[in-house]
Amino acid sequence: SRLGSDTYYDDAVKGRFTIFRDNAKNTVYLQMNGLKPEDA
């Protein structure tokens, strides 16, 4: 969400991927852990 208070994930990535944002830097990040070949 706009201020980062809410995040939503597809079931396929839930628990492995994390989204966060830094509005001061105008940047959103997608941290991907436990990557699988099907994530390619």
PDB file of all heavy atoms in Angstrom:
ATOM      1  N   SER A   1       0.822  -1.197   0.000  1.00  0.00           N
ATOM      2  CA  SER A   1       0.000   0.000   0.000  1.00  0.00           C
ATOM      3  C   SER A   1       0.862   1.255   0.000  1.00  0.00           C
ATOM      4  O   SER A   1       2.076   1.193   0.146  1.00  0.00           O
ATOM      5  CB  SER A   1      -0.939  -0.012   1.202  1.00  0.00           C
ATOM      6  OG  SER A   1      -0.199  -0.077   2.412  1.00  0.00           O
ATOM      7  N   ARG A   2       0.208   2.392  -0.133  1.00  0.00           N
ATOM      8  CA  ARG A   2       0.911   3.661  -0.338  1.00  0.00           C
ATOM      9  C   ARG A   2       1.975   3.933   0.726  1.00  0.00           C
ATOM     10  O   ARG A   2       3.093   4.329   0.423  1.00  0.00           O
ATOM     11  CB  ARG A   2      -0.087   4.804  -0.330  1.00  0.00           C
ATOM     12  CG  ARG A   2      -1.084   4.818  -1.468  1.00  0.00           C
ATOM     13  CD  ARG A   2      -2.024   5.994  -1.289  1.00  0.00           C
ATOM     14  NE  ARG A   2      -3.010   6.100  -2.347  1.00  0.00           N
ATOM     15  CZ  ARG A   2      -4.296   5.800  -2.194  1.00  0.00           C
ATOM     16  NH1 ARG A   2      -4.744   5.379  -1.041  1.00  0.00           N
ATOM     17  NH2 ARG A   2      -5.126   5.950  -3.212  1.00  0.00           N
ATOM     18  N   LEU A   3       1.602   3.744   1.968  1.00  0.00           N
ATOM     19  CA  LEU A   3       2.528   4.068   3.052  1.00  0.00           C
ATOM     20  C   LEU A   3       3.228   2.834   3.609  1.00  0.00           C
ATOM     21  O   LEU A   3       3.952   2.932   4.594  1.00  0.00           O
ATOM     22  CB  LEU A   3       1.797   4.828   4.160  1.00  0.00           C
ATOM     23  CG  LEU A   3       1.172   6.159   3.726  1.00  0.00           C
ATOM     24  CD1 LEU A   3       0.510   6.848   4.914  1.00  0.00           C
ATOM     25  CD2 LEU A   3       2.201   7.072   3.088  1.00  0.00           C
ATOM     26  N   GLY A   4       2.960   1.705   2.992  1.00  0.00           N
ATOM     27  CA  GLY A   4       3.637   0.482   3.408  1.00  0.00           C
ATOM     28  C   GLY A   4       2.998  -0.242   4.566  1.00  0.00           C
ATOM     29  O   GLY A   4       3.564  -1.206   5.082  1.00  0.00           O
ATOM     30  N   SER A   5       1.808   0.192   4.977  1.00  0.00           N
ATOM     31  CA  SER A   5       1.184  -0.421   6.150  1.00  0.00           C
ATOM     32  C   SER A   5       0.596  -1.793   5.837  1.00  0.00           C
ATOM     33  O   SER A   5       0.397  -2.609   6.737  1.00  0.00           O
ATOM     34  CB  SER A   5       0.093   0.494   6.699  1.00  0.00           C
ATOM     35  OG  SER A   5      -0.850   0.799   5.686  1.00  0.00           O
ATOM     36  N   ASP A   6       0.315  -2.038   4.559  1.00  0.00           N
ATOM     37  CA  ASP A   6      -0.305  -3.310   4.176  1.00  0.00           C
ATOM     38  C   ASP A   6       0.459  -3.935   3.012  1.00  0.00           C
ATOM     39  O   ASP A   6       0.834  -3.247   2.065  1.00  0.00           O
ATOM     40  CB  ASP A   6      -1.758  -3.096   3.755  1.00  0.00           C
ATOM     41  CG  ASP A   6      -2.606  -2.561   4.894  1.00  0.00           C
ATOM     42  OD1 ASP A   6      -2.731  -3.256   5.907  1.00  0.00           O
ATOM     43  OD2 ASP A   6      -3.115  -1.431   4.746  1.00  0.00           O
ATOM     44  N   THR A   7       0.664  -5.225   3.113  1.00  0.00           N
ATOM     45  CA  THR A   7       1.287  -5.979   2.021  1.00  0.00           C
ATOM     46  C   THR A   7       0.420  -7.188   1.679  1.00  0.00           C
ATOM     47  O   THR A   7      -0.322  -7.694   2.533  1.00  0.00           O
ATOM     48  CB  THR A   7       2.709  -6.446   2.395  1.00  0.00           C
ATOM     49  OG1 THR A   7       2.661  -7.146   3.644  1.00  0.00           O
ATOM     50  CG2 THR A   7       3.661  -5.274   2.507  1.00  0.00           C
ATOM     51  N   TYR A   8       0.539  -7.617   0.464  1.00  0.00           N
ATOM     52  CA  TYR A   8      -0.277  -8.708  -0.061  1.00  0.00           C
ATOM     53  C   TYR A   8       0.630  -9.602  -0.893  1.00  0.00           C
ATOM     54  O   TYR A   8       1.486  -9.109  -1.636  1.00  0.00           O
ATOM     55  CB  TYR A   8      -1.404  -8.154  -0.941  1.00  0.00           C
ATOM     56  CG  TYR A   8      -2.181  -7.040  -0.297  1.00  0.00           C
ATOM     57  CD1 TYR A   8      -1.735  -5.721  -0.355  1.00  0.00           C
ATOM     58  CD2 TYR A   8      -3.359  -7.300   0.394  1.00  0.00           C
ATOM     59  CE1 TYR A   8      -2.429  -4.702   0.247  1.00  0.00           C
ATOM     60  CE2 TYR A   8      -4.070  -6.276   0.996  1.00  0.00           C
ATOM     61  CZ  TYR A   8      -3.600  -4.974   0.921  1.00  0.00           C
ATOM     62  OH  TYR A   8      -4.294  -3.967   1.521  1.00  0.00           O
ATOM     63  N   TYR A   9       0.421 -10.896  -0.799  1.00  0.00           N
ATOM     64  CA  TYR A   9       1.278 -11.835  -1.521  1.00  0.00           C
ATOM     65  C   TYR A   9       0.454 -12.955  -2.138  1.00  0.00           C
ATOM     66  O   TYR A   9      -0.535 -13.408  -1.568  1.00  0.00           O
ATOM     67  CB  TYR A   9       2.310 -12.461  -0.579  1.00  0.00           C
ATOM     68  CG  TYR A   9       3.216 -11.464   0.078  1.00  0.00           C
ATOM     69  CD1 TYR A   9       2.941 -10.965   1.353  1.00  0.00           C
ATOM     70  CD2 TYR A   9       4.361 -10.991  -0.575  1.00  0.00           C
ATOM     71  CE1 TYR A   9       3.762 -10.033   1.948  1.00  0.00           C
ATOM     72  CE2 TYR A   9       5.187 -10.053   0.021  1.00  0.00           C
ATOM     73  CZ  TYR A   9       4.878  -9.585   1.285  1.00  0.00           C
ATOM     74  OH  TYR A   9       5.697  -8.661   1.875  1.00  0.00           O
ATOM     75  N   ASP A  10       0.922 -13.400  -3.289  1.00  0.00           N
ATOM     76  CA  ASP A  10       0.349 -14.603  -3.854  1.00  0.00           C
ATOM     77  C   ASP A  10       0.779 -15.787  -2.995  1.00  0.00           C
ATOM     78  O   ASP A  10       1.865 -15.784  -2.402  1.00  0.00           O
ATOM     79  CB  ASP A  10       0.835 -14.782  -5.287  1.00  0.00           C
ATOM     80  CG  ASP A  10       0.188 -15.967  -5.964  1.00  0.00           C
ATOM     81  OD1 ASP A  10      -0.947 -15.819  -6.441  1.00  0.00           O
ATOM     82  OD2 ASP A  10       0.821 -17.046  -6.009  1.00  0.00           O
ATOM     83  N   ASP A  11      -0.060 -16.791  -2.951  1.00  0.00           N
ATOM     84  CA  ASP A  11       0.243 -17.961  -2.126  1.00  0.00           C
ATOM     85  C   ASP A  11       1.558 -18.626  -2.526  1.00  0.00           C
ATOM     86  O   ASP A  11       2.236 -19.233  -1.689  1.00  0.00           O
ATOM     87  CB  ASP A  11      -0.888 -18.979  -2.221  1.00  0.00           C
ATOM     88  CG  ASP A  11      -2.125 -18.550  -1.445  1.00  0.00           C
ATOM     89  OD1 ASP A  11      -2.016 -17.624  -0.619  1.00  0.00           O
ATOM     90  OD2 ASP A  11      -3.201 -19.124  -1.694  1.00  0.00           O
ATOM     91  N   ALA A  12       1.927 -18.511  -3.796  1.00  0.00           N
ATOM     92  CA  ALA A  12       3.132 -19.179  -4.278  1.00  0.00           C
ATOM     93  C   ALA A  12       4.409 -18.614  -3.665  1.00  0.00           C
ATOM     94  O   ALA A  12       5.444 -19.295  -3.640  1.00  0.00           O
ATOM     95  CB  ALA A  12       3.204 -19.084  -5.794  1.00  0.00           C
ATOM     96  N   VAL A  13       4.340 -17.374  -3.172  1.00  0.00           N
ATOM     97  CA  VAL A  13       5.549 -16.737  -2.653  1.00  0.00           C
ATOM     98  C   VAL A  13       5.419 -16.370  -1.173  1.00  0.00           C
ATOM     99  O   VAL A  13       6.406 -15.933  -0.563  1.00  0.00           O
ATOM    100  CB  VAL A  13       5.912 -15.477  -3.466  1.00  0.00           C
ATOM    101  CG1 VAL A  13       6.009 -15.805  -4.947  1.00  0.00           C
ATOM    102  CG2 VAL A  13       4.911 -14.351  -3.233  1.00  0.00           C
ATOM    103  N   LYS A  14       4.251 -16.528  -0.624  1.00  0.00           N
ATOM    104  CA  LYS A  14       4.019 -16.139   0.766  1.00  0.00           C
ATOM    105  C   LYS A  14       4.980 -16.879   1.694  1.00  0.00           C
ATOM    106  O   LYS A  14       5.178 -18.091   1.570  1.00  0.00           O
ATOM    107  CB  LYS A  14       2.567 -16.435   1.140  1.00  0.00           C
ATOM    108  CG  LYS A  14       2.056 -15.696   2.344  1.00  0.00           C
ATOM    109  CD  LYS A  14       0.558 -15.926   2.507  1.00  0.00           C
ATOM    110  CE  LYS A  14      -0.230 -15.287   1.385  1.00  0.00           C
ATOM    111  NZ  LYS A  14      -1.703 -15.451   1.559  1.00  0.00           N
ATOM    112  N   GLY A  15       5.586 -16.130   2.578  1.00  0.00           N
ATOM    113  CA  GLY A  15       6.543 -16.721   3.511  1.00  0.00           C
ATOM    114  C   GLY A  15       7.968 -16.740   2.986  1.00  0.00           C
ATOM    115  O   GLY A  15       8.914 -16.961   3.750  1.00  0.00           O
ATOM    116  N   ARG A  16       8.137 -16.514   1.684  1.00  0.00           N
ATOM    117  CA  ARG A  16       9.483 -16.487   1.100  1.00  0.00           C
ATOM    118  C   ARG A  16       9.854 -15.091   0.596  1.00  0.00           C
ATOM    119  O   ARG A  16      11.026 -14.703   0.648  1.00  0.00           O
ATOM    120  CB  ARG A  16       9.572 -17.476  -0.076  1.00  0.00           C
ATOM    121  CG  ARG A  16       9.329 -18.920   0.316  1.00  0.00           C
ATOM    122  CD  ARG A  16       9.610 -19.862  -0.850  1.00  0.00           C
ATOM    123  NE  ARG A  16       8.707 -19.630  -1.983  1.00  0.00           N
ATOM    124  CZ  ARG A  16       9.136 -19.315  -3.196  1.00  0.00           C
ATOM    125  NH1 ARG A  16      10.426 -19.198  -3.461  1.00  0.00           N
ATOM    126  NH2 ARG A  16       8.258 -19.140  -4.174  1.00  0.00           N
ATOM    127  N   PHE A  17       8.878 -14.359   0.107  1.00  0.00           N
ATOM    128  CA  PHE A  17       9.114 -13.025  -0.449  1.00  0.00           C
ATOM    129  C   PHE A  17       8.569 -11.965   0.499  1.00  0.00           C
ATOM    130  O   PHE A  17       7.537 -12.179   1.156  1.00  0.00           O
ATOM    131  CB  PHE A  17       8.418 -12.874  -1.800  1.00  0.00           C
ATOM    132  CG  PHE A  17       9.009 -13.683  -2.931  1.00  0.00           C
ATOM    133  CD1 PHE A  17       9.948 -14.681  -2.715  1.00  0.00           C
ATOM    134  CD2 PHE A  17       8.613 -13.430  -4.231  1.00  0.00           C
ATOM    135  CE1 PHE A  17      10.477 -15.426  -3.756  1.00  0.00           C
ATOM    136  CE2 PHE A  17       9.128 -14.154  -5.296  1.00  0.00           C
ATOM    137  CZ  PHE A  17      10.053 -15.156  -5.049  1.00  0.00           C
ATOM    138  N   THR A  18       9.242 -10.827   0.528  1.00  0.00           N
ATOM    139  CA  THR A  18       8.817  -9.700   1.352  1.00  0.00           C
ATOM    140  C   THR A  18       8.921  -8.420   0.542  1.00  0.00           C
ATOM    141  O   THR A  18       9.945  -8.182  -0.121  1.00  0.00           O
ATOM    142  CB  THR A  18       9.691  -9.580   2.611  1.00  0.00           C
ATOM    143  OG1 THR A  18       9.650 -10.806   3.348  1.00  0.00           O
ATOM    144  CG2 THR A  18       9.198  -8.443   3.497  1.00  0.00           C
ATOM    145  N   ILE A  19       7.881  -7.623   0.613  1.00  0.00           N
ATOM    146  CA  ILE A  19       7.878  -6.324  -0.061  1.00  0.00           C
ATOM    147  C   ILE A  19       7.926  -5.233   0.999  1.00  0.00           C
ATOM    148  O   ILE A  19       7.195  -5.293   1.991  1.00  0.00           O
ATOM    149  CB  ILE A  19       6.618  -6.145  -0.923  1.00  0.00           C
ATOM    150  CG1 ILE A  19       6.556  -7.224  -2.008  1.00  0.00           C
ATOM    151  CG2 ILE A  19       6.598  -4.759  -1.567  1.00  0.00           C
ATOM    152  CD1 ILE A  19       5.258  -7.217  -2.784  1.00  0.00           C
ATOM    153  N   PHE A  20       8.775  -4.246   0.784  1.00  0.00           N
ATOM    154  CA  PHE A  20       8.816  -3.093   1.653  1.00  0.00           C
ATOM    155  C   PHE A  20       9.203  -1.879   0.820  1.00  0.00           C
ATOM    156  O   PHE A  20       9.684  -2.011  -0.306  1.00  0.00           O
ATOM    157  CB  PHE A  20       9.754  -3.299   2.846  1.00  0.00           C
ATOM    158  CG  PHE A  20      11.170  -3.648   2.498  1.00  0.00           C
ATOM    159  CD1 PHE A  20      12.168  -2.685   2.545  1.00  0.00           C
ATOM    160  CD2 PHE A  20      11.532  -4.944   2.132  1.00  0.00           C
ATOM    161  CE1 PHE A  20      13.484  -2.997   2.236  1.00  0.00           C
ATOM    162  CE2 PHE A  20      12.845  -5.260   1.824  1.00  0.00           C
ATOM    163  CZ  PHE A  20      13.822  -4.288   1.876  1.00  0.00           C
ATOM    164  N   ARG A  21       8.956  -0.712   1.390  1.00  0.00           N
ATOM    165  CA  ARG A  21       9.212   0.494   0.620  1.00  0.00           C
ATOM    166  C   ARG A  21       9.854   1.558   1.485  1.00  0.00           C
ATOM    167  O   ARG A  21       9.651   1.598   2.702  1.00  0.00           O
ATOM    168  CB  ARG A  21       7.918   1.020  -0.016  1.00  0.00           C
ATOM    169  CG  ARG A  21       6.851   1.504   0.927  1.00  0.00           C
ATOM    170  CD  ARG A  21       5.522   1.730   0.197  1.00  0.00           C
ATOM    171  NE  ARG A  21       5.628   2.795  -0.802  1.00  0.00           N
ATOM    172  CZ  ARG A  21       4.708   3.002  -1.745  1.00  0.00           C
ATOM    173  NH1 ARG A  21       3.651   2.213  -1.842  1.00  0.00           N
ATOM    174  NH2 ARG A  21       4.860   4.004  -2.605  1.00  0.00           N
ATOM    175  N   ASP A  22      10.580   2.448   0.814  1.00  0.00           N
ATOM    176  CA  ASP A  22      11.178   3.615   1.439  1.00  0.00           C
ATOM    177  C   ASP A  22      10.721   4.808   0.621  1.00  0.00           C
ATOM    178  O   ASP A  22      11.307   5.119  -0.432  1.00  0.00           O
ATOM    179  CB  ASP A  22      12.704   3.478   1.446  1.00  0.00           C
ATOM    180  CG  ASP A  22      13.386   4.623   2.166  1.00  0.00           C
ATOM    181  OD1 ASP A  22      12.759   5.665   2.354  1.00  0.00           O
ATOM    182  OD2 ASP A  22      14.564   4.472   2.535  1.00  0.00           O
ATOM    183  N   ASN A  23       9.683   5.471   1.073  1.00  0.00           N
ATOM    184  CA  ASN A  23       9.136   6.578   0.281  1.00  0.00           C
ATOM    185  C   ASN A  23      10.088   7.771   0.211  1.00  0.00           C
ATOM    186  O   ASN A  23      10.014   8.557  -0.730  1.00  0.00           O
ATOM    187  CB  ASN A  23       7.782   7.004   0.839  1.00  0.00           C
ATOM    188  CG  ASN A  23       6.687   6.018   0.472  1.00  0.00           C
ATOM    189  OD1 ASN A  23       6.842   5.168  -0.416  1.00  0.00           O
ATOM    190  ND2 ASN A  23       5.557   6.094   1.165  1.00  0.00           N
ATOM    191  N   ALA A  24      10.964   7.879   1.174  1.00  0.00           N
ATOM    192  CA  ALA A  24      11.949   8.969   1.123  1.00  0.00           C
ATOM    193  C   ALA A  24      12.917   8.765  -0.049  1.00  0.00           C
ATOM    194  O   ALA A  24      13.476   9.731  -0.576  1.00  0.00           O
ATOM    195  CB  ALA A  24      12.718   9.043   2.433  1.00  0.00           C
ATOM    196  N   LYS A  25      13.097   7.519  -0.444  1.00  0.00           N
ATOM    197  CA  LYS A  25      13.975   7.202  -1.562  1.00  0.00           C
ATOM    198  C   LYS A  25      13.199   6.859  -2.831  1.00  0.00           C
ATOM    199  O   LYS A  25      13.799   6.446  -3.828  1.00  0.00           O
ATOM    200  CB  LYS A  25      14.888   6.030  -1.202  1.00  0.00           C
ATOM    201  CG  LYS A  25      15.848   6.335  -0.076  1.00  0.00           C
ATOM    202  CD  LYS A  25      16.781   5.154   0.190  1.00  0.00           C
ATOM    203  CE  LYS A  25      17.782   5.489   1.280  1.00  0.00           C
ATOM    204  NZ  LYS A  25      18.690   4.345   1.564  1.00  0.00           N
ATOM    205  N   ASN A  26      11.866   6.974  -2.764  1.00  0.00           N
ATOM    206  CA  ASN A  26      11.025   6.644  -3.923  1.00  0.00           C
ATOM    207  C   ASN A  26      11.324   5.247  -4.453  1.00  0.00           C
ATOM    208  O   ASN A  26      11.377   5.016  -5.677  1.00  0.00           O
ATOM    209  CB  ASN A  26      11.213   7.664  -5.046  1.00  0.00           C
ATOM    210  CG  ASN A  26      10.467   8.953  -4.800  1.00  0.00           C
ATOM    211  OD1 ASN A  26       9.891   9.153  -3.736  1.00  0.00           O
ATOM    212  ND2 ASN A  26      10.499   9.846  -5.762  1.00  0.00           N
ATOM    213  N   THR A  27      11.481   4.307  -3.539  1.00  0.00           N
ATOM    214  CA  THR A  27      11.891   2.957  -3.931  1.00  0.00           C
ATOM    215  C   THR A  27      11.082   1.899  -3.186  1.00  0.00           C
ATOM    216  O   THR A  27      10.801   2.054  -1.996  1.00  0.00           O
ATOM    217  CB  THR A  27      13.386   2.743  -3.667  1.00  0.00           C
ATOM    218  OG1 THR A  27      14.142   3.727  -4.376  1.00  0.00           O
ATOM    219  CG2 THR A  27      13.832   1.350  -4.126  1.00  0.00           C
ATOM    220  N   VAL A  28      10.714   0.871  -3.925  1.00  0.00           N
ATOM    221  CA  VAL A  28      10.083  -0.313  -3.342  1.00  0.00           C
ATOM    222  C   VAL A  28      11.006  -1.498  -3.594  1.00  0.00           C
ATOM    223  O   VAL A  28      11.639  -1.590  -4.639  1.00  0.00           O
ATOM    224  CB  VAL A  28       8.696  -0.575  -3.966  1.00  0.00           C
ATOM    225  CG1 VAL A  28       8.170  -1.937  -3.566  1.00  0.00           C
ATOM    226  CG2 VAL A  28       7.719   0.514  -3.566  1.00  0.00           C
ATOM    227  N   TYR A  29      11.037  -2.404  -2.643  1.00  0.00           N
ATOM    228  CA  TYR A  29      11.935  -3.550  -2.712  1.00  0.00           C
ATOM    229  C   TYR A  29      11.144  -4.853  -2.681  1.00  0.00           C
ATOM    230  O   TYR A  29      10.087  -4.940  -2.038  1.00  0.00           O
ATOM    231  CB  TYR A  29      12.898  -3.534  -1.530  1.00  0.00           C
ATOM    232  CG  TYR A  29      13.705  -2.268  -1.428  1.00  0.00           C
ATOM    233  CD1 TYR A  29      13.248  -1.210  -0.642  1.00  0.00           C
ATOM    234  CD2 TYR A  29      14.907  -2.123  -2.101  1.00  0.00           C
ATOM    235  CE1 TYR A  29      13.973  -0.036  -0.547  1.00  0.00           C
ATOM    236  CE2 TYR A  29      15.640  -0.951  -2.010  1.00  0.00           C
ATOM    237  CZ  TYR A  29      15.167   0.088  -1.235  1.00  0.00           C
ATOM    238  OH  TYR A  29      15.894   1.252  -1.144  1.00  0.00           O
ATOM    239  N   LEU A  30      11.679  -5.831  -3.357  1.00  0.00           N
ATOM    240  CA  LEU A  30      11.138  -7.184  -3.296  1.00  0.00           C
ATOM    241  C   LEU A  30      12.274  -8.104  -2.863  1.00  0.00           C
ATOM    242  O   LEU A  30      13.195  -8.377  -3.644  1.00  0.00           O
ATOM    243  CB  LEU A  30      10.595  -7.625  -4.653  1.00  0.00           C
ATOM    244  CG  LEU A  30      10.083  -9.069  -4.743  1.00  0.00           C
ATOM    245  CD1 LEU A  30       8.878  -9.270  -3.834  1.00  0.00           C
ATOM    246  CD2 LEU A  30       9.726  -9.439  -6.181  1.00  0.00           C
ATOM    247  N   GLN A  31      12.226  -8.505  -1.611  1.00  0.00           N
ATOM    248  CA  GLN A  31      13.220  -9.428  -1.071  1.00  0.00           C
ATOM    249  C   GLN A  31      12.745 -10.849  -1.332  1.00  0.00           C
ATOM    250  O   GLN A  31      11.670 -11.239  -0.868  1.00  0.00           O
ATOM    251  CB  GLN A  31      13.411  -9.196   0.422  1.00  0.00           C
ATOM    252  CG  GLN A  31      14.382 -10.161   1.085  1.00  0.00           C
ATOM    253  CD  GLN A  31      15.807  -9.979   0.601  1.00  0.00           C
ATOM    254  OE1 GLN A  31      16.278  -8.855   0.459  1.00  0.00           O
ATOM    255  NE2 GLN A  31      16.505 -11.080   0.337  1.00  0.00           N
ATOM    256  N   MET A  32      13.547 -11.601  -2.040  1.00  0.00           N
ATOM    257  CA  MET A  32      13.169 -12.959  -2.420  1.00  0.00           C
ATOM    258  C   MET A  32      14.139 -13.945  -1.788  1.00  0.00           C
ATOM    259  O   MET A  32      15.333 -13.937  -2.108  1.00  0.00           O
ATOM    260  CB  MET A  32      13.183 -13.103  -3.945  1.00  0.00           C
ATOM    261  CG  MET A  32      12.283 -12.112  -4.656  1.00  0.00           C
ATOM    262  SD  MET A  32      12.233 -12.344  -6.441  1.00  0.00           S
ATOM    263  CE  MET A  32      13.892 -11.844  -6.871  1.00  0.00           C
ATOM    264  N   ASN A  33      13.631 -14.763  -0.902  1.00  0.00           N
ATOM    265  CA  ASN A  33      14.420 -15.792  -0.236  1.00  0.00           C
ATOM    266  C   ASN A  33      13.913 -17.173  -0.627  1.00  0.00           C
ATOM    267  O   ASN A  33      12.768 -17.311  -1.073  1.00  0.00           O
ATOM    268  CB  ASN A  33      14.336 -15.623   1.282  1.00  0.00           C
ATOM    269  CG  ASN A  33      14.877 -14.306   1.762  1.00  0.00           C
ATOM    270  OD1 ASN A  33      15.786 -13.719   1.154  1.00  0.00           O
ATOM    271  ND2 ASN A  33      14.327 -13.803   2.856  1.00  0.00           N
ATOM    272  N   GLY A  34      14.746 -18.161  -0.457  1.00  0.00           N
ATOM    273  CA  GLY A  34      14.316 -19.522  -0.768  1.00  0.00           C
ATOM    274  C   GLY A  34      13.860 -19.680  -2.194  1.00  0.00           C
ATOM    275  O   GLY A  34      12.860 -20.355  -2.473  1.00  0.00           O
ATOM    276  N   LEU A  35      14.604 -19.095  -3.123  1.00  0.00           N
ATOM    277  CA  LEU A  35      14.177 -19.107  -4.520  1.00  0.00           C
ATOM    278  C   LEU A  35      14.137 -20.515  -5.084  1.00  0.00           C
ATOM    279  O   LEU A  35      14.993 -21.352  -4.761  1.00  0.00           O
ATOM    280  CB  LEU A  35      15.094 -18.209  -5.354  1.00  0.00           C
ATOM    281  CG  LEU A  35      14.782 -16.721  -5.208  1.00  0.00           C
ATOM    282  CD1 LEU A  35      15.968 -15.874  -5.629  1.00  0.00           C
ATOM    283  CD2 LEU A  35      13.545 -16.363  -5.993  1.00  0.00           C
ATOM    284  N   LYS A  36      13.163 -20.737  -5.910  1.00  0.00           N
ATOM    285  CA  LYS A  36      12.948 -22.028  -6.562  1.00  0.00           C
ATOM    286  C   LYS A  36      13.069 -21.843  -8.076  1.00  0.00           C
ATOM    287  O   LYS A  36      12.840 -20.738  -8.587  1.00  0.00           O
ATOM    288  CB  LYS A  36      11.554 -22.555  -6.223  1.00  0.00           C
ATOM    289  CG  LYS A  36      11.257 -22.673  -4.739  1.00  0.00           C
ATOM    290  CD  LYS A  36       9.809 -23.093  -4.516  1.00  0.00           C
ATOM    291  CE  LYS A  36       9.484 -23.194  -3.034  1.00  0.00           C
ATOM    292  NZ  LYS A  36       8.069 -23.595  -2.813  1.00  0.00           N
ATOM    293  N   PRO A  37      13.361 -22.896  -8.791  1.00  0.00           N
ATOM    294  CA  PRO A  37      13.430 -22.770 -10.258  1.00  0.00           C
ATOM    295  C   PRO A  37      12.149 -22.196 -10.857  1.00  0.00           C
ATOM    296  O   PRO A  37      12.212 -21.454 -11.844  1.00  0.00           O
ATOM    297  CB  PRO A  37      13.681 -24.210 -10.710  1.00  0.00           C
ATOM    298  CG  PRO A  37      14.423 -24.831  -9.570  1.00  0.00           C
ATOM    299  CD  PRO A  37      13.809 -24.216  -8.333  1.00  0.00           C
ATOM    300  N   GLU A  38      11.015 -22.502 -10.266  1.00  0.00           N
ATOM    301  CA  GLU A  38       9.743 -21.982 -10.790  1.00  0.00           C
ATOM    302  C   GLU A  38       9.545 -20.497 -10.538  1.00  0.00           C
ATOM    303  O   GLU A  38       8.594 -19.909 -11.033  1.00  0.00           O
ATOM    304  CB  GLU A  38       8.554 -22.773 -10.242  1.00  0.00           C
ATOM    305  CG  GLU A  38       8.515 -22.877  -8.735  1.00  0.00           C
ATOM    306  CD  GLU A  38       9.118 -24.177  -8.216  1.00  0.00           C
ATOM    307  OE1 GLU A  38      10.180 -24.607  -8.729  1.00  0.00           O
ATOM    308  OE2 GLU A  38       8.528 -24.756  -7.271  1.00  0.00           O
ATOM    309  N   ASP A  39      10.430 -19.877  -9.770  1.00  0.00           N
ATOM    310  CA  ASP A  39      10.376 -18.423  -9.570  1.00  0.00           C
ATOM    311  C   ASP A  39      11.049 -17.673 -10.711  1.00  0.00           C
ATOM    312  O   ASP A  39      10.946 -16.443 -10.786  1.00  0.00           O
ATOM    313  CB  ASP A  39      11.059 -18.029  -8.261  1.00  0.00           C
ATOM    314  CG  ASP A  39      10.321 -18.535  -7.032  1.00  0.00           C
ATOM    315  OD1 ASP A  39       9.087 -18.479  -7.016  1.00  0.00           O
ATOM    316  OD2 ASP A  39      11.008 -18.984  -6.083  1.00  0.00           O
ATOM    317  N   ALA A  40      11.751 -18.381 -11.574  1.00  0.00           N
ATOM    318  CA  ALA A  40      12.454 -17.730 -12.669  1.00  0.00           C
ATOM    319  C   ALA A  40      11.468 -17.050 -13.608  1.00  0.00           C
ATOM    320  O   ALA A  40      10.481 -17.664 -14.043  1.00  0.00           O
ATOM    321  CB  ALA A  40      13.282 -18.748 -13.443  1.00  0.00           C
TER     322      ALA A  40
END
